[in-house]
Protein backbone atom coordinates (compact mmCIF):
# COMPACT_ATOMS: atom_id res chain seq x y z
CA UNK A 1 103.56 24.64 142.01
CA UNK A 2 103.88 23.25 145.35
CA UNK A 3 106.23 20.13 145.48
CA UNK A 4 106.61 18.82 148.85
CA UNK A 5 108.63 15.50 149.70
CA UNK A 6 109.52 13.93 153.36
CA UNK A 7 112.65 13.12 154.36
CA UNK A 8 114.21 10.89 157.37
CA UNK A 9 117.02 12.42 159.60
CA UNK A 10 119.23 10.24 160.75
CA UNK A 11 122.60 10.07 162.82
CA UNK A 12 126.00 10.33 160.60
CA UNK A 13 128.04 8.11 163.31
CA UNK A 14 127.30 7.16 167.18
CA UNK A 15 130.71 9.52 168.01
CA UNK A 16 128.75 12.66 166.38
CA UNK A 17 126.01 15.03 166.67
CA UNK A 18 125.42 15.94 163.51
CA UNK A 19 122.07 14.48 161.59
CA UNK A 20 121.90 13.71 157.93
CA UNK A 21 119.49 13.60 155.22
CA UNK A 22 119.22 12.92 151.19
CA UNK A 23 117.82 15.30 149.09
CA UNK A 24 114.79 13.76 146.97
CA UNK A 25 115.67 13.49 143.27
CA UNK A 26 112.73 16.01 142.21
CA UNK A 27 114.05 18.55 144.29
CA UNK A 28 117.75 18.54 142.81
CA UNK A 29 116.35 18.61 139.34
CA UNK A 30 114.50 21.43 140.20
CA UNK A 31 117.38 23.16 141.38
CA UNK A 32 119.54 22.00 139.36
CA UNK A 33 121.82 20.45 142.13
CA UNK A 34 125.12 18.74 141.43
CA UNK A 35 127.36 17.24 143.39
CA UNK A 36 129.68 19.93 145.22
CA UNK A 37 127.10 22.67 145.69
CA UNK A 38 126.89 24.64 148.63
CA UNK A 39 123.75 24.30 150.46
CA UNK A 40 122.94 27.33 153.40
CA UNK A 41 119.92 26.41 156.06
CA UNK A 42 118.60 29.48 157.46
CA UNK A 43 116.35 29.88 160.27
CA UNK A 44 114.14 32.75 160.55
CA UNK A 45 112.90 33.29 164.25
CA UNK A 46 109.95 35.28 162.69
CA UNK A 47 108.63 32.32 160.82
CA UNK A 48 109.19 29.12 163.52
CA UNK A 49 107.90 26.79 161.18
CA UNK A 50 109.94 27.56 157.97
CA UNK A 51 113.25 26.62 156.98
CA UNK A 52 114.97 28.11 153.88
CA UNK A 53 117.79 26.65 151.66
CA UNK A 54 119.85 28.21 149.37
CA UNK A 55 121.71 26.43 147.33
CA UNK A 56 124.90 28.06 145.06
CA UNK A 57 127.88 26.28 142.53
CA UNK A 58 130.01 28.92 144.05
CA UNK A 59 129.55 31.15 141.75
CA UNK A 60 127.07 33.45 143.24
CA UNK A 61 124.19 31.86 143.43
CA UNK A 62 121.57 29.24 141.36
CA UNK A 63 122.07 25.78 140.64
CA UNK A 64 125.01 23.55 139.70
CA UNK A 65 125.99 23.77 135.89
């Protein structure tokens, strides 16, 4: 199953270099994401077109139950 969604990056505020995006609801549901979950962004230069995302609720893995 392929699930593809596109989001737009927006600047957090004019005094900050960080950007923000929204996790689409179907992705939240798929990974059972909840407020407070930790998201880890992983970039592997061997696979330059891929960003992997790992999520955890603080108990070692998985979604947010």
